[in-house]
Amino acid sequence: MAEVLPAETAGTGTNAKEVSPVDPLEAGAREAARPRTFEFAHKVFKVDKGVFRIDPTDDKPVYCVDLGDVRASLTFATLKNSFGIEAGHPDAEMLEEVKRALAVVPQIRPGDSIPSELLDGTASWKVDDRHRTVARGRIWFALVAWVAGEKPNAKVDMQAFAQLAQSPEARQRVQSAFGQLAEKLGYPPERRADVVEQVERLIDEVSYIEALRERVGLARGVIGTLKRLRQAYRRERTLAEEVERTILLGERPVAALEQLLGAVDTRLADTLSVLRELPQQIDFIRKTRDAIHARMLKWDAVVALWEGENGAPGEETHRRVRETYRFVARHFPIASSWQR
């Protein structure tokens, strides 16, 4: 990533090219990467129904393929040894690409497009308009607070941010803030539009964080349902203990996801600093986005399992508790790092 230097240090000598004060928009510009696909040479990767995924038993990448009458899950080490794929071979390098990609997508078939996270840093998944609206409200809220010389209230909820983004009064105050931001960033008045463009770019990036916040909230909802069941099962010792163990193992990873979201919120509260270092801040947002998304890929099935569940005791609820316990015990045991 090219660094944009202040004019006084941009070069030496009479032919040194003068540049404007720090321009985060230009510094952070990324050229769209040429689309690429997961292409392999060996014929084992050309069979029907071959797919890469993460093995749920040990969180390792495997290649699932039909070998005769057997559906086999081959580790990458087995693939390389069994089919003579040596280190340095293009297929070996592509397997490493697959391993990285499985952190952001649940499965990959040979010939699929490589996720944009690995190509240019953008997200390969989509957000809804409501997430962009909430992101706009969050950024506008911070701008209005900055103009007033106040710190944003961290306890404002997503609905309030969405309402703020649709408020004519807030829009007017934000328009005024753009002029002050341009001045603070060292832009001449005629470049005020550049600040608006930077803020819009930031809103686009934050919209993915808001979509993830919604997904993390669903995981938190599962823990909340389990806590209600703890009370309902207080007279059934075996079930109560199973619920308690599930809460114990599930609480910490959900709280850690919330902490990652909080770290982004803390940065966004200082709007001026974010815009002064926009490329670096966007890199931070994207890395956090990818980390949360990768962890939520594990949680999504559990969230779906509890969808529509009201926490009433019963055999179906017992089944959900047991499956959830197996999930948290496998992925987040106390004895090892839950972040693996």
Protein backbone atom coordinates (compact mmCIF):
# COMPACT_ATOMS: atom_id res chain seq x y z
CA MET A 1 0.00 0.00 0.00
CA ALA A 2 1.49 3.30 -1.09
CA GLU A 3 2.09 5.90 1.59
CA VAL A 4 1.09 9.50 0.95
CA LEU A 5 3.58 11.86 2.55
CA PRO A 6 3.04 15.47 3.63
CA ALA A 7 4.16 17.97 1.03
CA GLU A 8 7.26 19.05 2.95
CA THR A 9 8.64 15.49 3.06
CA ALA A 10 7.38 14.17 -0.26
CA GLY A 11 10.76 14.39 -1.94
CA THR A 12 14.01 16.34 -2.30
CA GLY A 13 15.51 18.49 -5.00
CA THR A 14 13.94 20.89 -7.43
CA ASN A 15 11.98 18.21 -9.25
CA ALA A 16 10.34 16.80 -6.12
CA LYS A 17 6.63 16.37 -6.74
CA GLU A 18 4.49 18.33 -4.31
CA VAL A 19 1.57 16.43 -2.87
CA SER A 20 -1.33 17.58 -0.74
CA PRO A 21 -1.57 16.88 2.99
CA VAL A 22 -2.44 13.35 3.94
CA ASP A 23 -5.16 12.10 1.60
CA PRO A 24 -6.60 8.93 3.14
CA LEU A 25 -8.88 8.30 0.16
CA GLU A 26 -6.01 8.20 -2.30
CA ALA A 27 -3.72 6.39 0.12
CA GLY A 28 -6.29 3.71 0.72
CA ALA A 29 -7.38 3.17 -2.86
CA ARG A 30 -7.24 -0.48 -3.88
CA GLU A 31 -7.26 -1.70 -7.44
CA ALA A 32 -9.76 -4.47 -8.00
CA ALA A 33 -7.90 -7.73 -8.21
CA ARG A 34 -8.27 -9.84 -11.34
CA PRO A 35 -10.82 -12.57 -10.63
CA ARG A 36 -9.21 -15.96 -9.97
CA THR A 37 -10.53 -19.44 -9.37
CA PHE A 38 -9.44 -22.56 -7.52
CA GLU A 39 -7.94 -24.40 -10.47
CA PHE A 40 -6.09 -27.71 -9.97
CA ALA A 41 -4.10 -29.90 -12.34
CA HIS A 42 -4.49 -33.34 -10.75
CA LYS A 43 -7.48 -35.41 -11.87
CA VAL A 44 -8.53 -36.13 -8.26
CA PHE A 45 -9.75 -32.52 -8.11
CA LYS A 46 -11.87 -32.97 -11.24
CA VAL A 47 -14.21 -35.71 -10.01
CA ASP A 48 -17.88 -34.97 -9.48
CA LYS A 49 -19.03 -33.75 -6.07
CA GLY A 50 -15.53 -33.03 -4.78
CA VAL A 51 -15.66 -30.32 -2.14
CA PHE A 52 -13.34 -28.75 0.43
CA ARG A 53 -14.69 -27.99 3.89
CA ILE A 54 -13.67 -27.90 7.53
CA ASP A 55 -13.98 -31.24 9.33
CA PRO A 56 -16.27 -30.54 12.31
CA THR A 57 -14.51 -33.15 14.44
CA ASP A 58 -11.13 -31.39 14.53
CA ASP A 59 -11.55 -28.08 12.64
CA LYS A 60 -9.04 -29.18 9.98
CA PRO A 61 -9.55 -28.66 6.22
CA VAL A 62 -10.44 -31.80 4.26
CA TYR A 63 -11.32 -32.73 0.70
CA CYS A 64 -14.55 -34.74 0.52
CA VAL A 65 -14.72 -36.96 -2.54
CA ASP A 66 -16.30 -40.20 -3.71
CA LEU A 67 -13.74 -43.00 -3.96
CA GLY A 68 -15.67 -45.92 -5.39
CA ASP A 69 -18.59 -46.60 -3.07
CA VAL A 70 -17.04 -44.64 -0.21
CA ARG A 71 -17.40 -40.93 0.55
CA ALA A 72 -13.95 -40.08 1.88
CA SER A 73 -12.73 -37.03 3.78
CA LEU A 74 -9.07 -36.67 2.91
CA THR A 75 -6.76 -34.45 4.90
CA PHE A 76 -4.46 -32.25 2.88
CA ALA A 77 -1.47 -34.29 4.05
CA THR A 78 -3.16 -37.47 2.79
CA LEU A 79 -3.97 -35.79 -0.52
CA LYS A 80 -0.37 -34.76 -1.06
CA ASN A 81 1.09 -38.14 -0.08
CA SER A 82 -1.44 -40.30 -1.90
CA PHE A 83 -1.45 -38.41 -5.17
CA GLY A 84 2.15 -37.26 -5.36
CA ILE A 85 1.52 -33.55 -4.86
CA GLU A 86 4.93 -32.31 -3.80
CA ALA A 87 5.85 -29.06 -2.09
CA GLY A 88 6.14 -26.25 -4.60
CA HIS A 89 3.70 -27.87 -7.04
CA PRO A 90 0.91 -25.46 -8.13
CA ASP A 91 -1.69 -27.82 -6.63
CA ALA A 92 0.13 -27.71 -3.27
CA GLU A 93 0.12 -23.92 -3.37
CA MET A 94 -3.56 -23.90 -4.31
CA LEU A 95 -4.33 -26.15 -1.32
CA GLU A 96 -2.78 -23.48 0.90
CA GLU A 97 -5.08 -20.94 -0.76
CA VAL A 98 -8.04 -23.21 -0.02
CA LYS A 99 -6.98 -23.46 3.62
CA ARG A 100 -6.98 -19.67 3.95
CA ALA A 101 -10.28 -19.33 2.11
CA LEU A 102 -12.10 -21.79 4.36
CA ALA A 103 -11.78 -19.21 7.13
CA VAL A 104 -14.30 -17.01 5.31
CA VAL A 105 -16.48 -19.46 3.31
CA PRO A 106 -18.02 -22.73 4.54
CA GLN A 107 -17.05 -24.84 1.53
CA ILE A 108 -15.19 -24.67 -1.77
CA ARG A 109 -15.45 -26.69 -4.97
CA PRO A 110 -12.58 -26.87 -7.49
CA GLY A 111 -13.26 -24.16 -10.05
CA ASP A 112 -15.00 -21.84 -7.57
CA SER A 113 -13.92 -18.21 -7.43
CA ILE A 114 -11.36 -17.34 -4.80
CA PRO A 115 -13.05 -15.17 -2.12
CA SER A 116 -12.38 -11.47 -2.50
CA GLU A 117 -11.04 -11.34 1.08
CA LEU A 118 -7.92 -13.09 -0.25
CA LEU A 119 -7.68 -10.94 -3.37
CA ASP A 120 -8.35 -7.33 -2.47
CA GLY A 121 -9.61 -7.37 1.13
CA THR A 122 -13.27 -6.70 0.33
CA ALA A 123 -15.93 -9.00 1.74
CA SER A 124 -17.23 -11.83 -0.44
CA TRP A 125 -20.62 -11.78 1.32
CA LYS A 126 -23.37 -9.19 1.10
CA VAL A 127 -25.00 -6.87 3.58
CA ASP A 128 -28.58 -5.61 3.62
CA ASP A 129 -29.61 -1.99 3.26
CA ARG A 130 -30.59 -1.92 6.92
CA HIS A 131 -27.00 -2.65 7.95
CA ARG A 132 -25.75 0.22 5.81
CA THR A 133 -28.39 2.47 7.36
CA VAL A 134 -27.26 1.53 10.87
CA ALA A 135 -23.63 2.07 9.90
CA ARG A 136 -24.48 5.52 8.54
CA GLY A 137 -26.27 6.37 11.78
CA ARG A 138 -23.29 5.21 13.85
CA ILE A 139 -20.82 7.35 11.88
CA TRP A 140 -23.14 10.34 11.81
CA PHE A 141 -23.69 10.03 15.55
CA ALA A 142 -19.94 10.17 16.12
CA LEU A 143 -19.63 13.18 13.78
CA VAL A 144 -22.36 15.11 15.58
CA ALA A 145 -20.75 14.33 18.94
CA TRP A 146 -17.35 15.44 17.61
CA VAL A 147 -18.73 18.78 16.44
CA ALA A 148 -20.32 19.28 19.86
CA GLY A 149 -17.08 18.38 21.61
CA GLU A 150 -18.65 15.35 23.25
CA LYS A 151 -17.93 11.64 23.38
CA PRO A 152 -20.48 9.38 21.67
CA ASN A 153 -22.69 7.36 23.97
CA ALA A 154 -21.59 3.73 23.50
CA LYS A 155 -24.95 2.42 24.75
CA VAL A 156 -26.98 3.69 21.80
CA ASP A 157 -28.64 0.71 20.11
CA MET A 158 -28.85 -0.22 16.42
CA GLN A 159 -32.45 0.96 16.06
CA ALA A 160 -31.53 4.40 17.35
CA PHE A 161 -28.66 4.60 14.84
CA ALA A 162 -31.03 3.66 12.02
CA GLN A 163 -33.47 6.39 13.08
CA LEU A 164 -30.66 8.93 13.26
CA ALA A 165 -29.57 8.12 9.70
CA GLN A 166 -33.07 9.05 8.50
CA SER A 167 -33.31 12.27 10.49
CA PRO A 168 -33.28 15.53 8.43
CA GLU A 169 -31.89 17.38 11.46
CA ALA A 170 -29.01 14.95 11.80
CA ARG A 171 -28.30 15.23 8.06
CA GLN A 172 -28.07 19.01 8.35
CA ARG A 173 -25.69 18.82 11.31
CA VAL A 174 -23.53 16.26 9.53
CA GLN A 175 -23.31 18.49 6.45
CA SER A 176 -21.90 21.18 8.71
CA ALA A 177 -19.46 18.67 10.19
CA PHE A 178 -18.05 17.87 6.76
CA GLY A 179 -16.75 21.41 6.42
CA GLN A 180 -15.06 21.28 9.82
CA LEU A 181 -13.56 17.89 9.04
CA ALA A 182 -12.12 19.17 5.77
CA GLU A 183 -10.47 22.04 7.61
CA LYS A 184 -9.04 19.76 10.32
CA LEU A 185 -7.70 17.36 7.69
CA GLY A 186 -5.96 20.19 5.84
CA TYR A 187 -8.15 20.20 2.74
CA PRO A 188 -9.03 23.43 0.93
CA PRO A 189 -12.75 24.30 0.81
CA GLU A 190 -13.09 23.05 -2.77
CA ARG A 191 -12.10 19.54 -1.62
CA ARG A 192 -14.93 19.19 0.88
CA ALA A 193 -16.45 16.53 -1.39
CA ASP A 194 -13.38 14.36 -0.76
CA VAL A 195 -14.26 14.20 2.94
CA VAL A 196 -17.82 13.20 2.09
CA GLU A 197 -16.45 10.42 -0.11
CA GLN A 198 -14.16 9.20 2.67
CA VAL A 199 -17.03 9.10 5.16
CA GLU A 200 -19.14 7.14 2.66
CA ARG A 201 -16.30 4.69 2.18
CA LEU A 202 -16.04 4.25 5.94
CA ILE A 203 -19.79 3.67 6.16
CA ASP A 204 -19.52 0.91 3.54
CA GLU A 205 -16.86 -0.88 5.60
CA VAL A 206 -18.75 -0.46 8.88
CA SER A 207 -21.93 -1.89 7.36
CA TYR A 208 -20.28 -5.33 7.45
CA ILE A 209 -19.54 -4.87 11.13
CA GLU A 210 -23.20 -4.05 11.73
CA ALA A 211 -24.29 -7.19 9.88
CA LEU A 212 -21.92 -9.22 12.06
CA ARG A 213 -23.21 -7.45 15.17
CA GLU A 214 -26.65 -8.76 14.29
CA ARG A 215 -25.31 -12.33 13.89
CA VAL A 216 -23.37 -12.13 17.16
CA GLY A 217 -26.57 -10.91 18.80
CA LEU A 218 -28.28 -14.11 17.68
CA ALA A 219 -25.50 -16.16 19.29
CA ARG A 220 -25.96 -14.11 22.46
CA GLY A 221 -29.66 -14.92 22.20
CA VAL A 222 -28.86 -18.65 22.33
CA ILE A 223 -26.96 -18.12 25.58
CA GLY A 224 -29.87 -16.06 26.89
CA THR A 225 -32.32 -18.87 26.10
CA LEU A 226 -30.08 -21.36 27.92
CA LYS A 227 -30.00 -19.11 30.96
CA ARG A 228 -33.78 -19.06 31.03
CA LEU A 229 -33.80 -22.85 30.76
CA ARG A 230 -31.45 -23.03 33.72
CA GLN A 231 -34.26 -21.67 35.85
CA ALA A 232 -36.87 -23.92 34.22
CA TYR A 233 -34.79 -27.04 34.87
CA ARG A 234 -33.72 -26.17 38.40
CA ARG A 235 -35.56 -29.24 39.79
CA GLU A 236 -34.13 -31.65 37.18
CA ARG A 237 -30.53 -32.06 38.26
CA THR A 238 -29.16 -33.88 35.22
CA LEU A 239 -30.67 -31.45 32.72
CA ALA A 240 -29.80 -28.44 34.87
CA GLU A 241 -26.15 -29.51 34.96
CA GLU A 242 -26.04 -30.03 31.22
CA VAL A 243 -27.51 -26.58 30.63
CA GLU A 244 -25.03 -25.09 33.10
CA ARG A 245 -22.07 -26.72 31.36
CA THR A 246 -23.30 -25.46 28.00
CA ILE A 247 -23.59 -21.91 29.32
CA LEU A 248 -20.13 -22.12 30.88
CA LEU A 249 -18.49 -23.16 27.61
CA GLY A 250 -20.56 -20.90 25.36
CA GLU A 251 -20.44 -17.65 27.31
CA ARG A 252 -16.76 -16.89 26.84
CA PRO A 253 -16.54 -17.17 23.02
CA VAL A 254 -19.68 -15.05 22.60
CA ALA A 255 -18.30 -12.43 24.98
CA ALA A 256 -15.04 -12.43 23.02
CA LEU A 257 -16.94 -11.72 19.81
CA GLU A 258 -18.67 -8.83 21.53
CA GLN A 259 -15.27 -7.51 22.63
CA LEU A 260 -14.08 -7.50 19.02
CA LEU A 261 -17.13 -5.46 18.05
CA GLY A 262 -16.44 -3.12 20.96
CA ALA A 263 -12.86 -2.58 19.75
CA VAL A 264 -14.19 -1.34 16.41
CA ASP A 265 -16.73 0.90 18.15
CA THR A 266 -13.99 2.45 20.26
CA ARG A 267 -12.02 3.42 17.18
CA LEU A 268 -15.04 4.77 15.33
CA ALA A 269 -15.85 7.07 18.25
CA ASP A 270 -12.84 9.23 17.29
CA THR A 271 -13.97 10.17 13.79
CA LEU A 272 -11.18 12.64 13.09
CA SER A 273 -8.46 10.11 13.94
CA VAL A 274 -10.15 7.47 11.80
CA LEU A 275 -10.25 9.75 8.77
CA ARG A 276 -6.66 10.89 9.28
CA GLU A 277 -5.52 7.28 9.03
CA LEU A 278 -8.32 5.85 6.91
CA PRO A 279 -6.32 3.12 5.08
CA GLN A 280 -4.92 1.74 8.36
CA GLN A 281 -8.30 1.96 10.07
CA ILE A 282 -10.03 0.16 7.20
CA ASP A 283 -7.40 -2.58 7.38
CA PHE A 284 -8.19 -2.95 11.09
CA ILE A 285 -11.94 -3.05 10.41
CA ARG A 286 -11.49 -5.67 7.70
CA LYS A 287 -9.26 -7.89 9.81
CA THR A 288 -11.76 -7.70 12.65
CA ARG A 289 -14.61 -8.34 10.22
CA ASP A 290 -12.91 -11.48 8.88
CA ALA A 291 -12.06 -12.74 12.36
CA ILE A 292 -15.67 -12.39 13.56
CA HIS A 293 -17.08 -13.84 10.34
CA ALA A 294 -14.80 -16.90 10.58
CA ARG A 295 -15.91 -17.58 14.15
CA MET A 296 -19.57 -17.00 13.34
CA LEU A 297 -19.38 -19.64 10.59
CA LYS A 298 -19.16 -22.10 13.49
CA TRP A 299 -22.08 -20.52 15.36
CA ASP A 300 -24.52 -20.14 12.46
CA ALA A 301 -25.74 -23.76 12.63
CA VAL A 302 -26.39 -23.46 16.37
CA VAL A 303 -28.23 -20.18 15.87
CA ALA A 304 -30.40 -21.88 13.24
CA LEU A 305 -30.99 -24.78 15.63
CA TRP A 306 -32.58 -22.44 18.19
CA GLU A 307 -34.51 -20.29 15.72
CA GLY A 308 -38.07 -19.90 16.90
CA GLU A 309 -37.38 -21.71 20.20
CA ASN A 310 -39.08 -20.03 23.16
CA GLY A 311 -37.17 -21.94 25.82
CA ALA A 312 -40.10 -24.05 26.98
CA PRO A 313 -39.04 -27.39 28.49
CA GLY A 314 -39.67 -30.47 26.37
CA GLU A 315 -38.01 -33.24 24.38
CA GLU A 316 -37.24 -30.97 21.42
CA THR A 317 -35.65 -28.44 23.74
CA HIS A 318 -33.63 -31.24 25.38
CA ARG A 319 -32.33 -32.21 21.93
CA ARG A 320 -31.28 -28.63 21.20
CA VAL A 321 -29.45 -28.43 24.53
CA ARG A 322 -27.59 -31.67 23.85
CA GLU A 323 -26.56 -30.57 20.34
CA THR A 324 -25.47 -27.17 21.61
CA TYR A 325 -23.42 -28.77 24.37
CA ARG A 326 -21.68 -31.04 21.85
CA PHE A 327 -20.93 -27.97 19.75
CA VAL A 328 -19.41 -25.85 22.52
CA ALA A 329 -17.55 -28.82 24.05
CA ARG A 330 -15.95 -29.60 20.69
CA HIS A 331 -15.07 -26.05 19.64
CA PHE A 332 -14.54 -24.20 22.92
CA PRO A 333 -13.26 -26.59 25.61
CA ILE A 334 -11.95 -24.90 28.71
CA ALA A 335 -8.62 -26.70 28.46
CA SER A 336 -7.68 -25.26 25.05
CA SER A 337 -7.90 -21.98 23.20
CA TRP A 338 -11.41 -21.27 21.95
CA GLN A 339 -9.95 -19.04 19.23
CA ARG A 340 -8.38 -21.81 17.18
